[in-house]
C-alpha atoms as a PDB file:
ATOM      1  CA  MET A   1     137.079  69.463  73.606  1.00  0.00           C
ATOM      2  CA  ASN A   2     136.819  72.504  75.881  1.00  0.00           C
ATOM      3  CA  VAL A   3     135.298  70.959  78.998  1.00  0.00           C
ATOM      4  CA  SER A   4     134.191  74.395  80.231  1.00  0.00           C
ATOM      5  CA  THR A   5     131.633  74.631  77.435  1.00  0.00           C
ATOM      6  CA  VAL A   6     130.086  71.167  77.604  1.00  0.00           C
ATOM      7  CA  GLU A   7     127.058  72.915  79.176  1.00  0.00           C
ATOM      8  CA  PRO A   8     125.599  76.292  78.083  1.00  0.00           C
ATOM      9  CA  ASP A   9     126.757  77.979  81.281  1.00  0.00           C
ATOM     10  CA  SER A  10     130.345  79.142  80.769  1.00  0.00           C
ATOM     11  CA  LEU A  11     131.349  77.855  84.199  1.00  0.00           C
ATOM     12  CA  ALA A  12     129.583  74.498  83.894  1.00  0.00           C
ATOM     13  CA  ILE A  13     131.845  71.475  83.590  1.00  0.00           C
ATOM     14  CA  HIS A  14     131.199  67.854  82.683  1.00  0.00           C
ATOM     15  CA  CYS A  15     132.380  66.439  85.998  1.00  0.00           C
ATOM     16  CA  PRO A  16     132.964  62.789  84.961  1.00  0.00           C
ATOM     17  CA  LEU A  17     135.105  63.954  82.038  1.00  0.00           C
ATOM     18  CA  VAL A  18     137.021  66.474  84.134  1.00  0.00           C
ATOM     19  CA  GLU A  19     137.669  63.850  86.798  1.00  0.00           C
ATOM     20  CA  LYS A  20     139.000  61.417  84.187  1.00  0.00           C
ATOM     21  CA  ILE A  21     141.307  64.049  82.684  1.00  0.00           C
ATOM     22  CA  LEU A  22     142.709  65.213  86.023  1.00  0.00           C
ATOM     23  CA  VAL A  23     143.222  61.716  87.439  1.00  0.00           C
ATOM     24  CA  GLY A  24     145.072  60.794  84.249  1.00  0.00           C
ATOM     25  CA  PHE A  25     147.098  64.006  84.450  1.00  0.00           C
ATOM     26  CA  VAL A  26     148.322  63.224  87.961  1.00  0.00           C
ATOM     27  CA  LYS A  27     149.196  59.611  87.160  1.00  0.00           C
ATOM     28  CA  ASN A  28     150.943  60.437  83.878  1.00  0.00           C
ATOM     29  CA  GLU A  29     152.918  63.437  85.110  1.00  0.00           C
ATOM     30  CA  VAL A  30     154.103  61.770  88.310  1.00  0.00           C
ATOM     31  CA  GLU A  31     155.126  58.494  86.712  1.00  0.00           C
ATOM     32  CA  ARG A  32     156.578  60.112  83.584  1.00  0.00           C
ATOM     33  CA  VAL A  33     159.456  61.568  85.605  1.00  0.00           C
ATOM     34  CA  GLY A  34     160.118  58.403  87.586  1.00  0.00           C
ATOM     35  CA  PHE A  35     158.075  58.993  90.744  1.00  0.00           C
ATOM     36  CA  HIS A  36     155.204  57.024  92.261  1.00  0.00           C
ATOM     37  CA  LYS A  37     154.305  59.073  95.342  1.00  0.00           C
ATOM     38  CA  VAL A  38     153.128  62.593  96.131  1.00  0.00           C
ATOM     39  CA  VAL A  39     152.867  64.860  99.161  1.00  0.00           C
ATOM     40  CA  LEU A  40     150.541  67.815  99.619  1.00  0.00           C
ATOM     41  CA  GLY A  41     149.529  70.275 102.286  1.00  0.00           C
ATOM     42  CA  LEU A  42     146.188  69.057 103.618  1.00  0.00           C
ATOM     43  CA  SER A  43     144.539  72.009 105.309  1.00  0.00           C
ATOM     44  CA  GLY A  44     141.044  70.583 105.418  1.00  0.00           C
ATOM     45  CA  GLY A  45     139.905  73.182 102.884  1.00  0.00           C
ATOM     46  CA  ILE A  46     138.150  72.362  99.648  1.00  0.00           C
ATOM     47  CA  ASP A  47     141.135  72.920  97.323  1.00  0.00           C
ATOM     48  CA  SER A  48     143.620  70.687  99.122  1.00  0.00           C
ATOM     49  CA  THR A  49     140.874  68.140  99.699  1.00  0.00           C
ATOM     50  CA  LEU A  50     140.029  67.895  96.002  1.00  0.00           C
ATOM     51  CA  SER A  51     143.721  67.606  95.103  1.00  0.00           C
ATOM     52  CA  ALA A  52     144.033  64.780  97.628  1.00  0.00           C
ATOM     53  CA  TYR A  53     140.998  62.968  96.184  1.00  0.00           C
ATOM     54  CA  LEU A  54     142.406  63.211  92.667  1.00  0.00           C
ATOM     55  CA  ALA A  55     145.875  62.070  93.752  1.00  0.00           C
ATOM     56  CA  ALA A  56     144.538  59.117  95.752  1.00  0.00           C
ATOM     57  CA  LYS A  57     142.453  57.952  92.801  1.00  0.00           C
ATOM     58  CA  ALA A  58     145.374  58.380  90.389  1.00  0.00           C
ATOM     59  CA  LEU A  59     148.138  56.758  92.426  1.00  0.00           C
ATOM     60  CA  GLY A  60     146.396  54.786  95.168  1.00  0.00           C
ATOM     61  CA  PRO A  61     145.981  56.114  98.732  1.00  0.00           C
ATOM     62  CA  GLU A  62     149.121  54.331  99.877  1.00  0.00           C
ATOM     63  CA  ASN A  63     151.145  56.652  97.628  1.00  0.00           C
ATOM     64  CA  VAL A  64     149.693  59.932  98.922  1.00  0.00           C
ATOM     65  CA  CYS A  65     150.783  61.766 102.063  1.00  0.00           C
ATOM     66  CA  GLY A  66     148.786  64.697 103.389  1.00  0.00           C
ATOM     67  CA  ILE A  67     150.665  67.049 105.699  1.00  0.00           C
ATOM     68  CA  ARG A  68     148.971  69.328 108.215  1.00  0.00           C
ATOM     69  CA  MET A  69     151.138  72.284 109.188  1.00  0.00           C
ATOM     70  CA  PRO A  70     149.275  74.226 111.869  1.00  0.00           C
ATOM     71  CA  TYR A  71     150.277  77.494 113.477  1.00  0.00           C
ATOM     72  CA  SER A  72     149.256  78.334 117.042  1.00  0.00           C
ATOM     73  CA  THR A  73     146.228  80.278 115.783  1.00  0.00           C
ATOM     74  CA  SER A  74     145.011  77.516 113.452  1.00  0.00           C
ATOM     75  CA  SER A  75     141.431  76.505 114.130  1.00  0.00           C
ATOM     76  CA  ASN A  76     140.377  73.140 115.497  1.00  0.00           C
ATOM     77  CA  GLU A  77     138.070  72.867 112.493  1.00  0.00           C
ATOM     78  CA  THR A  78     141.067  72.981 110.144  1.00  0.00           C
ATOM     79  CA  MET A  79     142.772  70.176 112.024  1.00  0.00           C
ATOM     80  CA  ASP A  80     139.596  68.103 112.289  1.00  0.00           C
ATOM     81  CA  HIS A  81     138.738  68.395 108.617  1.00  0.00           C
ATOM     82  CA  GLY A  82     142.258  67.478 107.527  1.00  0.00           C
ATOM     83  CA  ASP A  83     142.046  64.386 109.716  1.00  0.00           C
ATOM     84  CA  LEU A  84     138.592  63.578 108.310  1.00  0.00           C
ATOM     85  CA  ILE A  85     139.844  63.658 104.719  1.00  0.00           C
ATOM     86  CA  ALA A  86     142.871  61.496 105.514  1.00  0.00           C
ATOM     87  CA  ARG A  87     140.595  58.900 107.116  1.00  0.00           C
ATOM     88  CA  GLU A  88     138.050  59.033 104.282  1.00  0.00           C
ATOM     89  CA  LEU A  89     140.753  58.450 101.663  1.00  0.00           C
ATOM     90  CA  GLY A  90     142.983  56.141 103.690  1.00  0.00           C
ATOM     91  CA  ILE A  91     146.068  58.252 102.950  1.00  0.00           C
ATOM     92  CA  LYS A  92     149.045  58.786 105.218  1.00  0.00           C
ATOM     93  CA  MET A  93     148.926  61.909 107.406  1.00  0.00           C
ATOM     94  CA  LEU A  94     151.701  63.879 109.079  1.00  0.00           C
ATOM     95  CA  THR A  95     151.277  66.851 111.413  1.00  0.00           C
ATOM     96  CA  ILE A  96     154.201  69.287 111.582  1.00  0.00           C
ATOM     97  CA  SER A  97     153.699  72.520 113.530  1.00  0.00           C
ATOM     98  CA  ILE A  98     155.233  75.719 112.161  1.00  0.00           C
ATOM     99  CA  THR A  99     154.706  77.730 115.364  1.00  0.00           C
ATOM    100  CA  ASP A 100     158.224  77.562 116.808  1.00  0.00           C
ATOM    101  CA  GLN A 101     160.072  78.628 113.661  1.00  0.00           C
ATOM    102  CA  LEU A 102     157.573  81.398 112.848  1.00  0.00           C
ATOM    103  CA  ASP A 103     157.588  82.846 116.353  1.00  0.00           C
ATOM    104  CA  SER A 104     161.364  82.624 116.564  1.00  0.00           C
ATOM    105  CA  TYR A 105     161.760  84.561 113.322  1.00  0.00           C
ATOM    106  CA  PHE A 106     159.229  87.261 114.101  1.00  0.00           C
ATOM    107  CA  GLU A 107     160.652  87.881 117.562  1.00  0.00           C
ATOM    108  CA  ARG A 108     163.207  89.929 115.625  1.00  0.00           C
ATOM    109  CA  PHE A 109     160.489  91.792 113.714  1.00  0.00           C
ATOM    110  CA  PRO A 110     157.651  92.459 116.178  1.00  0.00           C
ATOM    111  CA  ASP A 111     156.203  95.176 113.931  1.00  0.00           C
ATOM    112  CA  ALA A 112     155.722  92.794 110.999  1.00  0.00           C
ATOM    113  CA  THR A 113     152.406  93.213 109.219  1.00  0.00           C
ATOM    114  CA  ARG A 114     149.780  90.521 108.826  1.00  0.00           C
ATOM    115  CA  LEU A 115     150.766  90.230 105.167  1.00  0.00           C
ATOM    116  CA  ARG A 116     154.392  89.483 106.024  1.00  0.00           C
ATOM    117  CA  ARG A 117     153.341  86.909 108.589  1.00  0.00           C
ATOM    118  CA  ALA A 118     150.902  85.268 106.185  1.00  0.00           C
ATOM    119  CA  ASN A 119     153.494  85.046 103.406  1.00  0.00           C
ATOM    120  CA  LYS A 120     156.075  83.643 105.800  1.00  0.00           C
ATOM    121  CA  MET A 121     153.610  80.996 106.967  1.00  0.00           C
ATOM    122  CA  SER A 122     152.902  79.981 103.396  1.00  0.00           C
ATOM    123  CA  ARG A 123     156.582  79.726 102.458  1.00  0.00           C
ATOM    124  CA  GLU A 124     157.442  77.884 105.673  1.00  0.00           C
ATOM    125  CA  ARG A 125     154.823  75.298 104.823  1.00  0.00           C
ATOM    126  CA  MET A 126     156.158  74.871 101.311  1.00  0.00           C
ATOM    127  CA  THR A 127     159.735  74.341 102.545  1.00  0.00           C
ATOM    128  CA  ILE A 128     158.371  71.546 104.743  1.00  0.00           C
ATOM    129  CA  LEU A 129     156.532  70.008 101.798  1.00  0.00           C
ATOM    130  CA  TYR A 130     159.660  70.033  99.659  1.00  0.00           C
ATOM    131  CA  ASP A 131     161.733  68.559 102.481  1.00  0.00           C
ATOM    132  CA  GLN A 132     159.153  65.805 102.890  1.00  0.00           C
ATOM    133  CA  SER A 133     159.128  65.272  99.133  1.00  0.00           C
ATOM    134  CA  ALA A 134     162.852  64.516  99.391  1.00  0.00           C
ATOM    135  CA  ALA A 135     162.375  62.339 102.477  1.00  0.00           C
ATOM    136  CA  GLN A 136     159.593  60.312 100.862  1.00  0.00           C
ATOM    137  CA  ASN A 137     160.884  60.382  97.268  1.00  0.00           C
ATOM    138  CA  ALA A 138     157.650  62.085  96.239  1.00  0.00           C
ATOM    139  CA  LEU A 139     156.506  65.050  94.164  1.00  0.00           C
ATOM    140  CA  VAL A 140     154.688  68.043  95.648  1.00  0.00           C
ATOM    141  CA  VAL A 141     151.103  68.419  94.430  1.00  0.00           C
ATOM    142  CA  GLY A 142     149.739  71.950  94.229  1.00  0.00           C
ATOM    143  CA  THR A 143     146.382  73.087  95.597  1.00  0.00           C
ATOM    144  CA  SER A 144     145.844  76.550  94.058  1.00  0.00           C
ATOM    145  CA  ASN A 145     142.734  76.979  91.908  1.00  0.00           C
ATOM    146  CA  LYS A 146     142.424  79.115  88.766  1.00  0.00           C
ATOM    147  CA  THR A 147     140.629  81.964  90.525  1.00  0.00           C
ATOM    148  CA  GLU A 148     143.431  82.380  93.059  1.00  0.00           C
ATOM    149  CA  LEU A 149     146.147  82.058  90.434  1.00  0.00           C
ATOM    150  CA  LEU A 150     144.601  84.670  88.140  1.00  0.00           C
ATOM    151  CA  ILE A 151     144.002  87.345  90.777  1.00  0.00           C
ATOM    152  CA  GLY A 152     147.292  86.671  92.553  1.00  0.00           C
ATOM    153  CA  TYR A 153     145.636  85.509  95.766  1.00  0.00           C
ATOM    154  CA  GLY A 154     148.548  83.364  96.820  1.00  0.00           C
ATOM    155  CA  THR A 155     152.188  83.509  97.844  1.00  0.00           C
ATOM    156  CA  ILE A 156     154.916  83.130  95.240  1.00  0.00           C
ATOM    157  CA  PHE A 157     157.240  80.291  96.303  1.00  0.00           C
ATOM    158  CA  GLY A 158     154.644  79.487  98.969  1.00  0.00           C
ATOM    159  CA  ASP A 159     151.278  77.915  98.248  1.00  0.00           C
ATOM    160  CA  MET A 160     151.727  78.754  94.537  1.00  0.00           C
ATOM    161  CA  ALA A 161     154.764  76.450  94.316  1.00  0.00           C
ATOM    162  CA  SER A 162     154.477  72.775  93.357  1.00  0.00           C
ATOM    163  CA  ALA A 163     155.732  70.151  90.948  1.00  0.00           C
ATOM    164  CA  LEU A 164     152.286  69.732  89.383  1.00  0.00           C
ATOM    165  CA  ASN A 165     148.854  71.206  90.012  1.00  0.00           C
ATOM    166  CA  PRO A 166     145.734  69.235  89.048  1.00  0.00           C
ATOM    167  CA  ILE A 167     143.215  71.979  89.950  1.00  0.00           C
ATOM    168  CA  GLY A 168     144.964  75.056  88.556  1.00  0.00           C
ATOM    169  CA  ASP A 169     142.607  75.274  85.565  1.00  0.00           C
ATOM    170  CA  LEU A 170     139.458  74.987  87.683  1.00  0.00           C
ATOM    171  CA  TYR A 171     137.753  78.117  88.949  1.00  0.00           C
ATOM    172  CA  LYS A 172     136.715  77.999  92.606  1.00  0.00           C
ATOM    173  CA  THR A 173     133.073  77.386  91.745  1.00  0.00           C
ATOM    174  CA  GLN A 174     134.172  74.509  89.511  1.00  0.00           C
ATOM    175  CA  VAL A 175     136.225  73.098  92.391  1.00  0.00           C
ATOM    176  CA  TRP A 176     133.035  72.938  94.432  1.00  0.00           C
ATOM    177  CA  ALA A 177     131.163  71.245  91.576  1.00  0.00           C
ATOM    178  CA  LEU A 178     133.832  68.577  91.027  1.00  0.00           C
ATOM    179  CA  SER A 179     134.155  68.023  94.778  1.00  0.00           C
ATOM    180  CA  ARG A 180     130.452  67.249  95.045  1.00  0.00           C
ATOM    181  CA  HIS A 181     130.761  64.865  92.120  1.00  0.00           C
ATOM    182  CA  MET A 182     133.671  63.069  93.814  1.00  0.00           C
ATOM    183  CA  LYS A 183     131.723  62.765  97.074  1.00  0.00           C
ATOM    184  CA  VAL A 184     133.870  65.073  99.184  1.00  0.00           C
ATOM    185  CA  PRO A 185     132.221  65.396 102.632  1.00  0.00           C
ATOM    186  CA  GLU A 186     129.603  68.173 102.646  1.00  0.00           C
ATOM    187  CA  VAL A 187     131.052  69.662 105.823  1.00  0.00           C
ATOM    188  CA  VAL A 188     134.174  70.565 103.838  1.00  0.00           C
ATOM    189  CA  ILE A 189     132.267  71.783 100.774  1.00  0.00           C
ATOM    190  CA  ARG A 190     129.912  74.035 102.765  1.00  0.00           C
ATOM    191  CA  LYS A 191     132.392  75.817 105.010  1.00  0.00           C
ATOM    192  CA  ASN A 192     133.644  79.329 104.252  1.00  0.00           C
ATOM    193  CA  PRO A 193     136.895  79.285 102.233  1.00  0.00           C
ATOM    194  CA  THR A 194     139.818  80.327 104.412  1.00  0.00           C
ATOM    195  CA  ALA A 195     143.593  80.092 104.435  1.00  0.00           C
ATOM    196  CA  ASP A 196     143.314  79.997 108.261  1.00  0.00           C
ATOM    197  CA  LEU A 197     146.035  82.623 108.542  1.00  0.00           C
ATOM    198  CA  TRP A 198     144.498  84.226 111.641  1.00  0.00           C
ATOM    199  CA  ALA A 199     141.397  83.727 113.756  1.00  0.00           C
ATOM    200  CA  GLY A 200     138.231  84.471 111.802  1.00  0.00           C
ATOM    201  CA  GLN A 201     139.984  85.040 108.464  1.00  0.00           C
ATOM    202  CA  THR A 202     137.978  84.141 105.358  1.00  0.00           C
ATOM    203  CA  ASP A 203     138.932  84.552 101.705  1.00  0.00           C
ATOM    204  CA  GLU A 204     135.818  86.401 100.599  1.00  0.00           C
ATOM    205  CA  THR A 205     135.870  88.888 103.491  1.00  0.00           C
ATOM    206  CA  GLU A 206     139.515  89.656 102.825  1.00  0.00           C
ATOM    207  CA  LEU A 207     138.998  90.016  99.059  1.00  0.00           C
ATOM    208  CA  GLY A 208     135.803  92.035  99.310  1.00  0.00           C
ATOM    209  CA  PHE A 209     133.848  89.920  96.822  1.00  0.00           C
ATOM    210  CA  THR A 210     132.530  86.383  96.515  1.00  0.00           C
ATOM    211  CA  TYR A 211     134.045  83.620  94.415  1.00  0.00           C
ATOM    212  CA  ASP A 212     130.772  83.351  92.523  1.00  0.00           C
ATOM    213  CA  GLU A 213     130.974  87.023  91.532  1.00  0.00           C
ATOM    214  CA  VAL A 214     134.606  86.969  90.468  1.00  0.00           C
ATOM    215  CA  ASP A 215     134.375  83.623  88.657  1.00  0.00           C
ATOM    216  CA  ARG A 216     131.507  84.873  86.494  1.00  0.00           C
ATOM    217  CA  LEU A 217     133.660  87.854  85.557  1.00  0.00           C
ATOM    218  CA  LEU A 218     136.917  85.928  85.100  1.00  0.00           C
ATOM    219  CA  VAL A 219     135.490  83.311  82.761  1.00  0.00           C
ATOM    220  CA  ARG A 220     134.191  86.074  80.488  1.00  0.00           C
ATOM    221  CA  MET A 221     137.322  88.218  80.784  1.00  0.00           C
ATOM    222  CA  VAL A 222     139.967  85.496  80.487  1.00  0.00           C
ATOM    223  CA  ASP A 223     138.514  82.402  78.821  1.00  0.00           C
ATOM    224  CA  GLU A 224     136.098  84.176  76.495  1.00  0.00           C
ATOM    225  CA  ARG A 225     138.237  87.343  76.042  1.00  0.00           C
ATOM    226  CA  ALA A 226     135.338  89.736  76.488  1.00  0.00           C
ATOM    227  CA  LYS A 227     136.247  93.425  76.302  1.00  0.00           C
ATOM    228  CA  PRO A 228     135.689  95.691  79.315  1.00  0.00           C
ATOM    229  CA  ALA A 229     132.944  97.616  77.514  1.00  0.00           C
ATOM    230  CA  ASP A 230     131.078  94.379  76.813  1.00  0.00           C
ATOM    231  CA  LEU A 231     131.450  93.230  80.423  1.00  0.00           C
ATOM    232  CA  ILE A 232     130.050  96.513  81.701  1.00  0.00           C
ATOM    233  CA  GLU A 233     127.171  96.303  79.239  1.00  0.00           C
ATOM    234  CA  GLU A 234     126.427  92.829  80.594  1.00  0.00           C
ATOM    235  CA  GLY A 235     125.948  94.286  84.058  1.00  0.00           C
ATOM    236  CA  PHE A 236     129.337  94.028  85.742  1.00  0.00           C
ATOM    237  CA  GLU A 237     130.230  97.109  87.794  1.00  0.00           C
ATOM    238  CA  PRO A 238     132.899  99.209  85.997  1.00  0.00           C
ATOM    239  CA  ALA A 239     134.997  99.512  89.163  1.00  0.00           C
ATOM    240  CA  PHE A 240     134.866  95.738  89.652  1.00  0.00           C
ATOM    241  CA  VAL A 241     135.958  95.077  86.056  1.00  0.00           C
ATOM    242  CA  THR A 242     138.844  97.533  86.416  1.00  0.00           C
ATOM    243  CA  ARG A 243     139.918  96.136  89.782  1.00  0.00           C
ATOM    244  CA  ILE A 244     139.983  92.495  88.654  1.00  0.00           C
ATOM    245  CA  ALA A 245     141.810  93.337  85.407  1.00  0.00           C
ATOM    246  CA  ARG A 246     144.399  95.202  87.466  1.00  0.00           C
ATOM    247  CA  MET A 247     144.788  92.285  89.893  1.00  0.00           C
ATOM    248  CA  ILE A 248     145.459  89.925  86.988  1.00  0.00           C
ATOM    249  CA  GLN A 249     148.030  92.265  85.447  1.00  0.00           C
ATOM    250  CA  THR A 250     149.924  93.156  88.612  1.00  0.00           C
ATOM    251  CA  SER A 251     150.206  89.520  89.752  1.00  0.00           C
ATOM    252  CA  HIS A 252     151.433  88.133  86.437  1.00  0.00           C
ATOM    253  CA  TYR A 253     155.012  87.887  87.728  1.00  0.00           C
ATOM    254  CA  LYS A 254     153.792  85.231  90.157  1.00  0.00           C
ATOM    255  CA  ARG A 255     152.722  83.005  87.270  1.00  0.00           C
ATOM    256  CA  ARG A 256     156.078  83.048  85.456  1.00  0.00           C
ATOM    257  CA  LEU A 257     159.553  81.721  86.021  1.00  0.00           C
ATOM    258  CA  PRO A 258     161.937  84.359  87.385  1.00  0.00           C
ATOM    259  CA  LEU A 259     162.788  86.883  84.683  1.00  0.00           C
ATOM    260  CA  ILE A 260     166.262  86.225  83.273  1.00  0.00           C
ATOM    261  CA  ALA A 261     168.338  88.961  81.646  1.00  0.00           C
ATOM    262  CA  LYS A 262     169.097  87.958  78.064  1.00  0.00           C
ATOM    263  CA  LEU A 263     172.754  87.608  77.064  1.00  0.00           C
ATOM    264  CA  SER A 264     172.995  84.523  74.859  1.00  0.00           C
ATOM    265  CA  GLN A 265     171.143  83.229  71.828  1.00  0.00           C
ATOM    266  CA  ARG A 266     169.335  80.592  73.890  1.00  0.00           C
ATOM    267  CA  THR A 267     168.019  82.163  77.062  1.00  0.00           C
ATOM    268  CA  ILE A 268     165.955  79.926  79.327  1.00  0.00           C
ATOM    269  CA  ASP A 269     162.199  80.573  79.041  1.00  0.00           C
ATOM    270  CA  ARG A 270     162.565  82.651  75.890  1.00  0.00           C
ATOM    271  CA  ASP A 271     164.610  80.687  73.367  1.00  0.00           C
ATOM    272  CA  PHE A 272     165.327  77.485  75.341  1.00  0.00           C
ATOM    273  CA  ARG A 273     161.673  76.502  75.765  1.00  0.00           C
ATOM    274  CA  TYR A 274     160.530  72.912  75.908  1.00  0.00           C
ATOM    275  CA  ALA A 275     157.431  71.164  77.155  1.00  0.00           C
ATOM    276  CA  ARG A 276     157.566  69.626  80.608  1.00  0.00           C
ATOM    277  CA  ASP A 277     157.887  66.122  79.158  1.00  0.00           C
ATOM    278  CA  TRP A 278     160.833  66.993  76.889  1.00  0.00           C
ATOM    279  CA  GLY A 279     163.220  64.040  76.695  1.00  0.00           C
ATOM    280  CA  THR A 280     160.962  61.616  78.563  1.00  0.00           C
END
């Protein structure tokens, strides 16, 4: 059953069913490959919070470690909310600052743009998560939602990297809906989405549109395969339709394995293609 169409609204989901599927997904995919624990970046935002709730329910809180990785400009709210979620769930929490290594690197490149700094922060955090996954014999759980993945609003080999991602097929508005169902604290649900990359940064200000607006377009464009002419006839602005379609197309490389030049008869990801659970 397509859980996105349980209700008439294309973005409506049957939260109890979605919760059951995602909890089972985490438990099955972690244990299938011989692991019992997971680590994840716990920023105090809604996406990482929901991933933590799902992981704790699937594996038990004792098998989940949330890791806060603040930079010097990170807000107190980010730190407080991460701590709140760890206490609510009873999961282990580590705090590992990335300030020293970031500042040391960018001392050599003082003219680096905000984009470079943001991407470096994201990748630095993911290297810490993968090091902790080795230290704790745990898999890295992803926290990128479907909206971000489709429009490329993430860093390849940074926050887009993980061993498994329970929320990657949930649009941002669906993340909010499931979070309310799972009793995530309202203070986390209500706050403005932000990657906390610099003081005052919010996702929607940076993108120039709201998640509600783009989700309503994406579900028609991607899931229901509506044509641009139909979307415009439905009331979407032509420039908005064109922009989002372009964002999806130009970020597609982020959603694929690295492109491999073909030389043999069985090239990885073209001819040598197996499901994740092959052989297990």
